[in-house]
Amino acid sequence: MLDWIKHMHKDHPEFWTNYLAKFEHKSTRFVVISAVSTGTSPTKDVLLSIGALAVEQQAIIVKEAFEVVLLQYKFLHENGLSNAFIIESELPKLGEPEALQNFVNFIGNSILVGYRINYTLEMINAALGRMGCGRLRNEALDLEIMHRKLQDISEVDLSAGQLLDYYKIPELNPQHTALQAYSYALLFLKLKIRLGIR
């Protein structure tokens, strides 16, 4: 099966072929994601940092944490934006291709979770497209949608901070993606249990 996948995707980077092969089996692992970007447009904006934590069963696996700052100096310079975020961060710093490769290797076939996660995934997919890869194949769960389902409501928009506050979860640091992912992971566990998601 792996040989067939490699043949079908022979023009893709090897890490992407290996990623696709992981979807032969369904995962029970969740990965909660938080990201900082220059905006929400996949074509005009870029990712500045990504943080992620694994969740298995009813536990946050802190030792399985991922966090990286993406070196986007060229984009920031061309758009007259400050690069202070990159310079001042003490987190690992990588160019976009290497950062995304490490991220894809980290998530594997896990189910992805986040606040308004579609925006984040579109940004990631755009970056992967620039690398000659396809779109992420992972299932995704959105925390805001999970909240709406639990409360049986529809058109009520809540910011990430409001959502965390509703469930009495501290928002540790919105600019520190691993800490934000930890807050999201705590929220996810509450929603997951109440919605009966295994």
Protein backbone atom coordinates (compact mmCIF):
# COMPACT_ATOMS: atom_id res chain seq x y z
CA MET A 1 0.00 0.00 0.00
CA LEU A 2 2.81 2.42 0.91
CA ASP A 3 4.49 1.76 -2.47
CA TRP A 4 1.24 2.65 -4.23
CA ILE A 5 0.95 5.91 -2.27
CA LYS A 6 4.56 6.77 -3.11
CA HIS A 7 3.89 6.12 -6.79
CA MET A 8 0.75 8.26 -6.82
CA HIS A 9 2.52 11.14 -5.08
CA LYS A 10 6.03 10.81 -6.48
CA ASP A 11 6.28 14.57 -7.11
CA HIS A 12 5.54 15.39 -3.46
CA PRO A 13 8.23 15.70 -0.76
CA GLU A 14 8.97 12.44 1.04
CA PHE A 15 7.61 13.69 4.38
CA TRP A 16 4.25 14.34 2.68
CA THR A 17 4.13 10.85 1.20
CA ASN A 18 4.85 9.40 4.64
CA TYR A 19 2.11 11.60 6.12
CA LEU A 20 -0.47 10.33 3.60
CA ALA A 21 0.44 6.73 4.41
CA LYS A 22 -0.61 7.25 8.04
CA PHE A 23 -4.28 7.52 7.01
CA GLU A 24 -4.54 3.79 6.39
CA HIS A 25 -5.60 3.65 10.06
CA LYS A 26 -7.97 5.86 12.06
CA SER A 27 -6.41 7.76 14.93
CA THR A 28 -7.72 8.08 18.49
CA ARG A 29 -5.23 10.87 19.19
CA PHE A 30 -6.34 14.51 19.17
CA VAL A 31 -4.00 17.44 18.59
CA VAL A 32 -5.13 20.84 19.86
CA ILE A 33 -3.71 23.71 17.81
CA SER A 34 -3.18 27.42 18.35
CA ALA A 35 -1.57 29.71 15.80
CA VAL A 36 -0.61 33.35 15.36
CA SER A 37 -0.71 34.85 11.87
CA THR A 38 -0.53 38.25 10.21
CA GLY A 39 -4.23 37.99 9.30
CA THR A 40 -6.86 35.52 8.11
CA SER A 41 -6.29 35.55 4.35
CA PRO A 42 -4.54 32.37 3.13
CA THR A 43 -3.34 34.21 0.02
CA LYS A 44 -2.22 37.50 1.59
CA ASP A 45 -1.11 36.54 5.11
CA VAL A 46 1.38 34.15 6.69
CA LEU A 47 1.72 32.14 9.87
CA LEU A 48 4.03 33.54 12.54
CA SER A 49 3.86 30.72 15.10
CA ILE A 50 2.16 27.38 15.73
CA GLY A 51 1.65 25.58 19.03
CA ALA A 52 0.07 22.19 19.57
CA LEU A 53 -0.57 19.65 22.33
CA ALA A 54 -1.66 16.03 22.10
CA VAL A 55 -4.78 14.78 23.90
CA GLU A 56 -5.44 11.08 24.36
CA GLN A 57 -8.50 9.69 26.10
CA GLN A 58 -9.09 12.20 28.94
CA ALA A 59 -5.53 13.47 29.35
CA ILE A 60 -3.37 16.25 27.92
CA ILE A 61 0.00 14.77 26.99
CA VAL A 62 2.21 17.71 27.94
CA LYS A 63 5.39 15.87 26.93
CA GLU A 64 3.97 15.74 23.39
CA ALA A 65 4.06 19.48 22.79
CA PHE A 66 4.97 21.31 19.61
CA GLU A 67 5.81 24.98 19.23
CA VAL A 68 7.69 26.93 16.60
CA VAL A 69 8.11 30.49 15.35
CA LEU A 70 8.17 30.77 11.56
CA LEU A 71 10.82 33.05 10.13
CA GLN A 72 8.82 35.40 7.91
CA TYR A 73 11.22 38.36 7.72
CA LYS A 74 10.75 38.81 3.95
CA PHE A 75 6.95 39.03 4.21
CA LEU A 76 7.06 41.40 7.18
CA HIS A 77 9.65 43.64 5.52
CA GLU A 78 7.75 43.83 2.21
CA ASN A 79 4.53 44.75 4.02
CA GLY A 80 6.08 47.26 6.41
CA LEU A 81 5.23 45.16 9.47
CA SER A 82 7.26 44.87 12.65
CA ASN A 83 9.36 41.73 13.10
CA ALA A 84 9.62 42.28 16.88
CA PHE A 85 7.49 39.16 17.48
CA ILE A 86 10.12 37.00 15.77
CA ILE A 87 13.16 38.75 17.22
CA GLU A 88 11.95 38.77 20.83
CA SER A 89 10.61 35.21 20.93
CA GLU A 90 12.75 32.66 22.75
CA LEU A 91 10.98 29.78 21.00
CA PRO A 92 12.59 27.61 18.30
CA LYS A 93 12.68 29.51 14.98
CA LEU A 94 12.51 27.80 11.60
CA GLY A 95 11.83 28.76 8.01
CA GLU A 96 8.30 28.05 6.82
CA PRO A 97 9.10 24.80 4.92
CA GLU A 98 10.98 23.18 7.82
CA ALA A 99 8.44 24.39 10.39
CA LEU A 100 5.53 22.96 8.39
CA GLN A 101 7.34 19.67 7.80
CA ASN A 102 7.92 19.30 11.55
CA PHE A 103 4.29 20.19 12.22
CA VAL A 104 2.97 17.61 9.74
CA ASN A 105 5.26 14.97 11.26
CA PHE A 106 3.91 15.89 14.71
CA ILE A 107 0.20 15.72 13.89
CA GLY A 108 0.28 12.56 11.75
CA ASN A 109 -3.28 11.35 11.25
CA SER A 110 -4.56 12.85 14.52
CA ILE A 111 -7.90 14.61 14.78
CA LEU A 112 -7.18 18.35 14.91
CA VAL A 113 -8.92 20.68 17.37
CA GLY A 114 -8.91 24.47 17.65
CA TYR A 115 -10.85 27.70 17.94
CA ARG A 116 -12.22 28.63 14.49
CA ILE A 117 -9.85 25.99 13.25
CA ASN A 118 -10.82 26.34 9.59
CA TYR A 119 -8.95 29.68 9.43
CA THR A 120 -5.81 28.06 10.83
CA LEU A 121 -6.07 25.05 8.54
CA GLU A 122 -6.50 27.22 5.45
CA MET A 123 -3.36 29.13 6.39
CA ILE A 124 -1.47 25.86 6.86
CA ASN A 125 -2.83 24.43 3.60
CA ALA A 126 -1.73 27.54 1.72
CA ALA A 127 1.79 27.18 3.13
CA LEU A 128 1.83 23.47 2.25
CA GLY A 129 0.73 24.35 -1.28
CA ARG A 130 3.78 26.57 -1.63
CA MET A 131 5.87 23.52 -0.75
CA GLY A 132 4.34 21.32 -3.46
CA CYS A 133 2.15 19.38 -1.03
CA GLY A 134 -1.59 18.79 -0.95
CA ARG A 135 -4.10 19.77 1.73
CA LEU A 136 -4.20 18.26 5.20
CA ARG A 137 -6.36 15.12 5.36
CA ASN A 138 -7.05 15.22 9.10
CA GLU A 139 -10.52 15.36 10.58
CA ALA A 140 -11.08 18.61 12.49
CA LEU A 141 -13.20 19.74 15.43
CA ASP A 142 -13.97 23.39 16.15
CA LEU A 143 -14.30 24.44 19.80
CA GLU A 144 -16.89 27.13 19.05
CA ILE A 145 -19.05 24.68 17.10
CA MET A 146 -18.72 22.10 19.90
CA HIS A 147 -19.92 24.76 22.37
CA ARG A 148 -22.90 25.62 20.15
CA LYS A 149 -23.84 21.96 19.87
CA LEU A 150 -23.62 21.46 23.63
CA GLN A 151 -25.70 24.58 24.38
CA ASP A 152 -28.07 23.92 21.44
CA ILE A 153 -27.55 27.40 20.00
CA SER A 154 -26.67 28.57 16.51
CA GLU A 155 -25.70 32.12 15.59
CA VAL A 156 -23.86 33.27 18.69
CA ASP A 157 -20.28 34.36 18.08
CA LEU A 158 -17.90 34.18 21.01
CA SER A 159 -14.28 35.25 21.03
CA ALA A 160 -11.73 32.70 22.22
CA GLY A 161 -11.45 34.61 25.49
CA GLN A 162 -15.23 34.63 26.02
CA LEU A 163 -15.43 30.92 25.30
CA LEU A 164 -12.69 30.11 27.79
CA ASP A 165 -14.27 32.42 30.37
CA TYR A 166 -17.65 30.73 29.91
CA TYR A 167 -16.11 27.42 31.02
CA LYS A 168 -13.95 29.10 33.71
CA ILE A 169 -10.66 28.31 31.99
CA PRO A 170 -7.84 30.85 32.24
CA GLU A 171 -6.48 32.25 28.97
CA LEU A 172 -2.81 31.83 29.77
CA ASN A 173 -1.20 33.86 26.97
CA PRO A 174 -2.80 34.37 23.52
CA GLN A 175 0.59 35.24 21.96
CA HIS A 176 2.31 32.12 23.37
CA THR A 177 0.84 29.42 21.18
CA ALA A 178 1.71 26.41 23.37
CA LEU A 179 0.10 28.05 26.41
CA GLN A 180 -2.92 29.02 24.33
CA ALA A 181 -3.11 25.44 23.05
CA TYR A 182 -3.07 24.25 26.68
CA SER A 183 -6.06 26.50 27.48
CA TYR A 184 -7.82 25.16 24.38
CA ALA A 185 -6.97 21.58 25.41
CA LEU A 186 -8.58 22.11 28.83
CA LEU A 187 -11.68 23.49 27.10
CA PHE A 188 -11.69 20.62 24.63
CA LEU A 189 -11.63 18.05 27.45
CA LYS A 190 -14.65 19.68 29.10
CA LEU A 191 -16.60 19.80 25.82
CA LYS A 192 -15.46 16.32 24.77
CA ILE A 193 -16.68 14.74 28.01
CA ARG A 194 -20.01 16.60 28.00
CA LEU A 195 -20.66 15.74 24.34
CA GLY A 196 -19.68 12.09 24.87
CA ILE A 197 -16.85 12.14 22.30
CA ARG A 198 -14.44 9.23 22.70
